[in-house]
């Protein structure tokens, strides 16, 4: 058991709090160039405006539901 643990000693784990997650979601939406609501609609339609938007949905949807009102609009 100790040998397995030593194998991963060089891996750093960063634990995010709710504010960190909210910031990460807002940044991802900004990079995708859409709001959470727009991204939800693209997912519902099964048509994403870009590959980045599709990748953003894949990642961000796993962190939701964070109320959309608490996440920045995603537009720069």
PDB file of N, CA and C in Angstrom:
ATOM      1  N   UNK A   1       0.826  -1.191   0.000  1.00  0.00           N
ATOM      2  CA  UNK A   1       0.000   0.000   0.000  1.00  0.00           C
ATOM      3  C   UNK A   1       0.864   1.247   0.000  1.00  0.00           C
ATOM      4  N   UNK A   2       1.909   1.252   0.777  1.00  0.00           N
ATOM      5  CA  UNK A   2       2.798   2.409   0.841  1.00  0.00           C
ATOM      6  C   UNK A   2       3.469   2.668  -0.496  1.00  0.00           C
ATOM      7  N   UNK A   3       3.819   1.607  -1.206  1.00  0.00           N
ATOM      8  CA  UNK A   3       4.470   1.759  -2.505  1.00  0.00           C
ATOM      9  C   UNK A   3       3.571   2.502  -3.484  1.00  0.00           C
ATOM     10  N   UNK A   4       2.299   2.204  -3.495  1.00  0.00           N
ATOM     11  CA  UNK A   4       1.361   2.882  -4.385  1.00  0.00           C
ATOM     12  C   UNK A   4       1.254   4.360  -4.034  1.00  0.00           C
ATOM     13  N   UNK A   5       1.194   4.648  -2.756  1.00  0.00           N
ATOM     14  CA  UNK A   5       1.082   6.032  -2.301  1.00  0.00           C
ATOM     15  C   UNK A   5       2.315   6.824  -2.735  1.00  0.00           C
ATOM     16  N   UNK A   6       3.494   6.254  -2.585  1.00  0.00           N
ATOM     17  CA  UNK A   6       4.729   6.934  -2.958  1.00  0.00           C
ATOM     18  C   UNK A   6       4.763   7.242  -4.446  1.00  0.00           C
ATOM     19  N   UNK A   7       4.129   6.403  -5.218  1.00  0.00           N
ATOM     20  CA  UNK A   7       4.087   6.603  -6.668  1.00  0.00           C
ATOM     21  C   UNK A   7       3.412   7.922  -7.032  1.00  0.00           C
ATOM     22  N   UNK A   8       2.507   8.411  -6.202  1.00  0.00           N
ATOM     23  CA  UNK A   8       1.737   9.604  -6.502  1.00  0.00           C
ATOM     24  C   UNK A   8       2.120  10.805  -5.640  1.00  0.00           C
ATOM     25  N   UNK A   9       3.241  10.749  -4.961  1.00  0.00           N
ATOM     26  CA  UNK A   9       3.654  11.835  -4.078  1.00  0.00           C
ATOM     27  C   UNK A   9       3.871  13.152  -4.817  1.00  0.00           C
ATOM     28  N   UNK A  10       4.167  13.105  -6.102  1.00  0.00           N
ATOM     29  CA  UNK A  10       4.449  14.328  -6.845  1.00  0.00           C
ATOM     30  C   UNK A  10       3.181  14.981  -7.414  1.00  0.00           C
ATOM     31  N   UNK A  11       2.022  14.421  -7.151  1.00  0.00           N
ATOM     32  CA  UNK A  11       0.762  14.977  -7.648  1.00  0.00           C
ATOM     33  C   UNK A  11       0.211  15.955  -6.621  1.00  0.00           C
ATOM     34  N   UNK A  12      -0.064  17.155  -7.087  1.00  0.00           N
ATOM     35  CA  UNK A  12      -0.636  18.174  -6.215  1.00  0.00           C
ATOM     36  C   UNK A  12      -2.139  18.248  -6.450  1.00  0.00           C
ATOM     37  N   UNK A  13      -2.896  18.219  -5.400  1.00  0.00           N
ATOM     38  CA  UNK A  13      -4.348  18.297  -5.482  1.00  0.00           C
ATOM     39  C   UNK A  13      -4.781  19.645  -4.932  1.00  0.00           C
ATOM     40  N   UNK A  14      -5.570  20.363  -5.716  1.00  0.00           N
ATOM     41  CA  UNK A  14      -6.085  21.660  -5.291  1.00  0.00           C
ATOM     42  C   UNK A  14      -7.589  21.511  -5.090  1.00  0.00           C
ATOM     43  N   UNK A  15      -8.046  21.809  -3.906  1.00  0.00           N
ATOM     44  CA  UNK A  15      -9.457  21.719  -3.585  1.00  0.00           C
ATOM     45  C   UNK A  15     -10.079  23.098  -3.773  1.00  0.00           C
ATOM     46  N   UNK A  16     -11.121  23.159  -4.581  1.00  0.00           N
ATOM     47  CA  UNK A  16     -11.776  24.428  -4.877  1.00  0.00           C
ATOM     48  C   UNK A  16     -12.989  24.621  -3.983  1.00  0.00           C
ATOM     49  N   UNK A  17     -13.176  25.847  -3.530  1.00  0.00           N
ATOM     50  CA  UNK A  17     -14.406  26.150  -2.803  1.00  0.00           C
ATOM     51  C   UNK A  17     -15.446  26.658  -3.805  1.00  0.00           C
ATOM     52  N   UNK A  18     -16.628  26.971  -3.332  1.00  0.00           N
ATOM     53  CA  UNK A  18     -17.723  27.365  -4.216  1.00  0.00           C
ATOM     54  C   UNK A  18     -17.373  28.611  -5.040  1.00  0.00           C
ATOM     55  N   UNK A  19     -16.690  29.562  -4.435  1.00  0.00           N
ATOM     56  CA  UNK A  19     -16.301  30.774  -5.170  1.00  0.00           C
ATOM     57  C   UNK A  19     -15.316  30.444  -6.292  1.00  0.00           C
ATOM     58  N   UNK A  20     -14.384  29.537  -6.024  1.00  0.00           N
ATOM     59  CA  UNK A  20     -13.425  29.129  -7.047  1.00  0.00           C
ATOM     60  C   UNK A  20     -14.131  28.450  -8.216  1.00  0.00           C
ATOM     61  N   UNK A  21     -15.097  27.595  -7.904  1.00  0.00           N
ATOM     62  CA  UNK A  21     -15.853  26.909  -8.953  1.00  0.00           C
ATOM     63  C   UNK A  21     -16.644  27.929  -9.758  1.00  0.00           C
ATOM     64  N   UNK A  22     -17.274  28.858  -9.081  1.00  0.00           N
ATOM     65  CA  UNK A  22     -18.052  29.900  -9.762  1.00  0.00           C
ATOM     66  C   UNK A  22     -17.151  30.695 -10.714  1.00  0.00           C
ATOM     67  N   UNK A  23     -15.952  31.047 -10.261  1.00  0.00           N
ATOM     68  CA  UNK A  23     -15.008  31.776 -11.111  1.00  0.00           C
ATOM     69  C   UNK A  23     -14.573  30.941 -12.312  1.00  0.00           C
ATOM     70  N   UNK A  24     -14.316  29.667 -12.083  1.00  0.00           N
ATOM     71  CA  UNK A  24     -13.907  28.785 -13.183  1.00  0.00           C
ATOM     72  C   UNK A  24     -15.013  28.651 -14.215  1.00  0.00           C
ATOM     73  N   UNK A  25     -16.247  28.523 -13.765  1.00  0.00           N
ATOM     74  CA  UNK A  25     -17.389  28.430 -14.679  1.00  0.00           C
ATOM     75  C   UNK A  25     -17.524  29.727 -15.469  1.00  0.00           C
ATOM     76  N   UNK A  26     -17.432  30.860 -14.794  1.00  0.00           N
ATOM     77  CA  UNK A  26     -17.541  32.159 -15.470  1.00  0.00           C
ATOM     78  C   UNK A  26     -16.443  32.313 -16.512  1.00  0.00           C
ATOM     79  N   UNK A  27     -15.227  31.909 -16.175  1.00  0.00           N
ATOM     80  CA  UNK A  27     -14.117  31.992 -17.135  1.00  0.00           C
ATOM     81  C   UNK A  27     -14.344  31.094 -18.337  1.00  0.00           C
ATOM     82  N   UNK A  28     -14.817  29.889 -18.103  1.00  0.00           N
ATOM     83  CA  UNK A  28     -15.089  28.961 -19.204  1.00  0.00           C
ATOM     84  C   UNK A  28     -16.178  29.506 -20.126  1.00  0.00           C
ATOM     85  N   UNK A  29     -17.220  30.078 -19.530  1.00  0.00           N
ATOM     86  CA  UNK A  29     -18.290  30.671 -20.346  1.00  0.00           C
ATOM     87  C   UNK A  29     -17.761  31.857 -21.150  1.00  0.00           C
ATOM     88  N   UNK A  30     -16.921  32.667 -20.539  1.00  0.00           N
ATOM     89  CA  UNK A  30     -16.337  33.812 -21.249  1.00  0.00           C
ATOM     90  C   UNK A  30     -15.496  33.334 -22.427  1.00  0.00           C
ATOM     91  N   UNK A  31     -14.714  32.309 -22.215  1.00  0.00           N
ATOM     92  CA  UNK A  31     -13.886  31.760 -23.296  1.00  0.00           C
ATOM     93  C   UNK A  31     -14.748  31.193 -24.421  1.00  0.00           C
ATOM     94  N   UNK A  32     -15.893  30.617 -24.057  1.00  0.00           N
ATOM     95  CA  UNK A  32     -16.807  30.061 -25.063  1.00  0.00           C
ATOM     96  C   UNK A  32     -17.627  31.153 -25.744  1.00  0.00           C
ATOM     97  N   UNK A  33     -17.665  32.335 -25.116  1.00  0.00           N
ATOM     98  CA  UNK A  33     -18.395  33.456 -25.705  1.00  0.00           C
ATOM     99  C   UNK A  33     -19.902  33.341 -25.589  1.00  0.00           C
ATOM    100  N   UNK A  34     -20.373  32.728 -24.501  1.00  0.00           N
ATOM    101  CA  UNK A  34     -21.819  32.594 -24.326  1.00  0.00           C
ATOM    102  C   UNK A  34     -22.174  32.601 -22.843  1.00  0.00           C
ATOM    103  N   UNK A  35     -23.435  32.782 -22.579  1.00  0.00           N
ATOM    104  CA  UNK A  35     -23.934  32.727 -21.207  1.00  0.00           C
ATOM    105  C   UNK A  35     -24.312  31.291 -20.882  1.00  0.00           C
ATOM    106  N   UNK A  36     -24.567  31.042 -19.611  1.00  0.00           N
ATOM    107  CA  UNK A  36     -25.017  29.717 -19.184  1.00  0.00           C
ATOM    108  C   UNK A  36     -26.335  29.369 -19.860  1.00  0.00           C
ATOM    109  N   UNK A  37     -27.236  30.338 -19.927  1.00  0.00           N
ATOM    110  CA  UNK A  37     -28.532  30.097 -20.549  1.00  0.00           C
ATOM    111  C   UNK A  37     -28.372  29.758 -22.037  1.00  0.00           C
ATOM    112  N   UNK A  38     -27.497  30.489 -22.724  1.00  0.00           N
ATOM    113  CA  UNK A  38     -27.253  30.203 -24.148  1.00  0.00           C
ATOM    114  C   UNK A  38     -26.644  28.821 -24.328  1.00  0.00           C
ATOM    115  N   UNK A  39     -25.734  28.469 -23.446  1.00  0.00           N
ATOM    116  CA  UNK A  39     -25.104  27.157 -23.530  1.00  0.00           C
ATOM    117  C   UNK A  39     -26.114  26.047 -23.264  1.00  0.00           C
ATOM    118  N   UNK A  40     -27.011  26.270 -22.305  1.00  0.00           N
ATOM    119  CA  UNK A  40     -28.068  25.292 -22.042  1.00  0.00           C
ATOM    120  C   UNK A  40     -28.951  25.113 -23.280  1.00  0.00           C
ATOM    121  N   UNK A  41     -29.271  26.215 -23.949  1.00  0.00           N
ATOM    122  CA  UNK A  41     -30.126  26.133 -25.144  1.00  0.00           C
ATOM    123  C   UNK A  41     -29.415  25.388 -26.266  1.00  0.00           C
ATOM    124  N   UNK A  42     -28.128  25.652 -26.435  1.00  0.00           N
ATOM    125  CA  UNK A  42     -27.361  24.932 -27.453  1.00  0.00           C
ATOM    126  C   UNK A  42     -27.371  23.433 -27.167  1.00  0.00           C
ATOM    127  N   UNK A  43     -27.226  23.073 -25.901  1.00  0.00           N
ATOM    128  CA  UNK A  43     -27.250  21.658 -25.523  1.00  0.00           C
ATOM    129  C   UNK A  43     -28.627  21.058 -25.779  1.00  0.00           C
ATOM    130  N   UNK A  44     -29.673  21.799 -25.435  1.00  0.00           N
ATOM    131  CA  UNK A  44     -31.038  21.311 -25.654  1.00  0.00           C
ATOM    132  C   UNK A  44     -31.310  21.109 -27.145  1.00  0.00           C
ATOM    133  N   UNK A  45     -30.763  22.005 -27.970  1.00  0.00           N
ATOM    134  CA  UNK A  45     -30.949  21.905 -29.421  1.00  0.00           C
ATOM    135  C   UNK A  45     -30.051  20.836 -30.039  1.00  0.00           C
ATOM    136  N   UNK A  46     -29.025  20.439 -29.292  1.00  0.00           N
ATOM    137  CA  UNK A  46     -28.072  19.466 -29.823  1.00  0.00           C
ATOM    138  C   UNK A  46     -27.147  20.070 -30.860  1.00  0.00           C
ATOM    139  N   UNK A  47     -27.047  21.398 -30.863  1.00  0.00           N
ATOM    140  CA  UNK A  47     -26.190  22.109 -31.815  1.00  0.00           C
ATOM    141  C   UNK A  47     -25.416  23.184 -31.060  1.00  0.00           C
ATOM    142  N   UNK A  48     -24.117  22.990 -30.993  1.00  0.00           N
ATOM    143  CA  UNK A  48     -23.273  23.968 -30.334  1.00  0.00           C
ATOM    144  C   UNK A  48     -22.665  24.887 -31.375  1.00  0.00           C
ATOM    145  N   UNK A  49     -22.485  26.162 -31.018  1.00  0.00           N
ATOM    146  CA  UNK A  49     -21.986  27.136 -31.992  1.00  0.00           C
ATOM    147  C   UNK A  49     -20.518  26.927 -32.322  1.00  0.00           C
ATOM    148  N   UNK A  50     -19.817  26.176 -31.479  1.00  0.00           N
ATOM    149  CA  UNK A  50     -18.400  25.909 -31.725  1.00  0.00           C
ATOM    150  C   UNK A  50     -17.970  24.676 -30.934  1.00  0.00           C
ATOM    151  N   UNK A  51     -16.805  24.172 -31.289  1.00  0.00           N
ATOM    152  CA  UNK A  51     -16.251  23.050 -30.530  1.00  0.00           C
ATOM    153  C   UNK A  51     -15.948  23.480 -29.099  1.00  0.00           C
ATOM    154  N   UNK A  52     -15.506  24.731 -28.955  1.00  0.00           N
ATOM    155  CA  UNK A  52     -15.208  25.245 -27.614  1.00  0.00           C
ATOM    156  C   UNK A  52     -16.467  25.258 -26.767  1.00  0.00           C
ATOM    157  N   UNK A  53     -17.589  25.695 -27.353  1.00  0.00           N
ATOM    158  CA  UNK A  53     -18.854  25.708 -26.617  1.00  0.00           C
ATOM    159  C   UNK A  53     -19.241  24.285 -26.202  1.00  0.00           C
ATOM    160  N   UNK A  54     -19.043  23.329 -27.089  1.00  0.00           N
ATOM    161  CA  UNK A  54     -19.370  21.941 -26.776  1.00  0.00           C
ATOM    162  C   UNK A  54     -18.494  21.421 -25.643  1.00  0.00           C
ATOM    163  N   UNK A  55     -17.190  21.710 -25.699  1.00  0.00           N
ATOM    164  CA  UNK A  55     -16.279  21.292 -24.628  1.00  0.00           C
ATOM    165  C   UNK A  55     -16.638  21.985 -23.316  1.00  0.00           C
ATOM    166  N   UNK A  56     -17.015  23.253 -23.421  1.00  0.00           N
ATOM    167  CA  UNK A  56     -17.416  23.991 -22.220  1.00  0.00           C
ATOM    168  C   UNK A  56     -18.628  23.346 -21.582  1.00  0.00           C
ATOM    169  N   UNK A  57     -19.601  22.945 -22.394  1.00  0.00           N
ATOM    170  CA  UNK A  57     -20.787  22.274 -21.871  1.00  0.00           C
ATOM    171  C   UNK A  57     -20.395  20.994 -21.145  1.00  0.00           C
ATOM    172  N   UNK A  58     -19.510  20.237 -21.759  1.00  0.00           N
ATOM    173  CA  UNK A  58     -19.089  18.967 -21.170  1.00  0.00           C
ATOM    174  C   UNK A  58     -18.517  19.180 -19.771  1.00  0.00           C
ATOM    175  N   UNK A  59     -17.716  20.216 -19.613  1.00  0.00           N
ATOM    176  CA  UNK A  59     -17.076  20.472 -18.327  1.00  0.00           C
ATOM    177  C   UNK A  59     -18.008  21.208 -17.366  1.00  0.00           C
ATOM    178  N   UNK A  60     -18.591  22.302 -17.818  1.00  0.00           N
ATOM    179  CA  UNK A  60     -19.367  23.182 -16.939  1.00  0.00           C
ATOM    180  C   UNK A  60     -20.642  22.505 -16.447  1.00  0.00           C
ATOM    181  N   UNK A  61     -21.279  21.730 -17.275  1.00  0.00           N
ATOM    182  CA  UNK A  61     -22.550  21.118 -16.864  1.00  0.00           C
ATOM    183  C   UNK A  61     -22.368  20.178 -15.675  1.00  0.00           C
ATOM    184  N   UNK A  62     -21.167  19.663 -15.487  1.00  0.00           N
ATOM    185  CA  UNK A  62     -20.930  18.788 -14.339  1.00  0.00           C
ATOM    186  C   UNK A  62     -20.851  19.562 -13.027  1.00  0.00           C
ATOM    187  N   UNK A  63     -20.635  20.876 -13.109  1.00  0.00           N
ATOM    188  CA  UNK A  63     -20.558  21.704 -11.915  1.00  0.00           C
ATOM    189  C   UNK A  63     -21.871  22.391 -11.588  1.00  0.00           C
ATOM    190  N   UNK A  64     -22.805  22.354 -12.475  1.00  0.00           N
ATOM    191  CA  UNK A  64     -24.065  23.036 -12.255  1.00  0.00           C
ATOM    192  C   UNK A  64     -24.991  22.051 -11.554  1.00  0.00           C
ATOM    193  N   UNK A  65     -26.028  22.429 -10.876  1.00  0.00           N
ATOM    194  CA  UNK A  65     -26.600  23.764 -10.978  1.00  0.00           C
ATOM    195  C   UNK A  65     -26.062  24.732  -9.942  1.00  0.00           C
ATOM    196  N   UNK A  66     -25.243  25.624 -10.392  1.00  0.00           N
ATOM    197  CA  UNK A  66     -24.948  26.835  -9.655  1.00  0.00           C
ATOM    198  C   UNK A  66     -25.927  27.839 -10.242  1.00  0.00           C
ATOM    199  N   UNK A  67     -26.715  28.506  -9.436  1.00  0.00           N
ATOM    200  CA  UNK A  67     -27.703  29.433 -10.013  1.00  0.00           C
ATOM    201  C   UNK A  67     -27.060  30.355 -11.034  1.00  0.00           C
ATOM    202  N   UNK A  68     -27.668  30.434 -12.213  1.00  0.00           N
ATOM    203  CA  UNK A  68     -27.120  31.231 -13.299  1.00  0.00           C
ATOM    204  C   UNK A  68     -26.897  32.674 -12.877  1.00  0.00           C
ATOM    205  N   UNK A  69     -27.722  33.177 -11.988  1.00  0.00           N
ATOM    206  CA  UNK A  69     -27.584  34.563 -11.552  1.00  0.00           C
ATOM    207  C   UNK A  69     -26.294  34.797 -10.776  1.00  0.00           C
ATOM    208  N   UNK A  70     -25.697  33.725 -10.237  1.00  0.00           N
ATOM    209  CA  UNK A  70     -24.485  33.895  -9.457  1.00  0.00           C
ATOM    210  C   UNK A  70     -23.226  33.735 -10.304  1.00  0.00           C
ATOM    211  N   UNK A  71     -23.406  33.402 -11.588  1.00  0.00           N
ATOM    212  CA  UNK A  71     -22.277  33.221 -12.495  1.00  0.00           C
ATOM    213  C   UNK A  71     -22.249  34.421 -13.434  1.00  0.00           C
ATOM    214  N   UNK A  72     -21.065  34.953 -13.668  1.00  0.00           N
ATOM    215  CA  UNK A  72     -20.940  36.092 -14.592  1.00  0.00           C
ATOM    216  C   UNK A  72     -21.511  35.712 -15.947  1.00  0.00           C
ATOM    217  N   UNK A  73     -21.917  36.684 -16.708  1.00  0.00           N
ATOM    218  CA  UNK A  73     -22.589  36.448 -17.982  1.00  0.00           C
ATOM    219  C   UNK A  73     -21.751  35.662 -18.965  1.00  0.00           C
ATOM    220  N   UNK A  74     -20.442  35.678 -18.821  1.00  0.00           N
ATOM    221  CA  UNK A  74     -19.605  34.927 -19.736  1.00  0.00           C
ATOM    222  C   UNK A  74     -19.177  35.748 -20.929  1.00  0.00           C
ATOM    223  N   UNK A  75     -19.659  36.941 -21.073  1.00  0.00           N
ATOM    224  CA  UNK A  75     -19.260  37.799 -22.201  1.00  0.00           C
ATOM    225  C   UNK A  75     -18.173  38.749 -21.770  1.00  0.00           C
ATOM    226  N   UNK A  76     -17.230  38.953 -22.634  1.00  0.00           N
ATOM    227  CA  UNK A  76     -16.155  39.923 -22.351  1.00  0.00           C
ATOM    228  C   UNK A  76     -16.461  41.217 -23.031  1.00  0.00           C
TER     229      UNK A  76
END
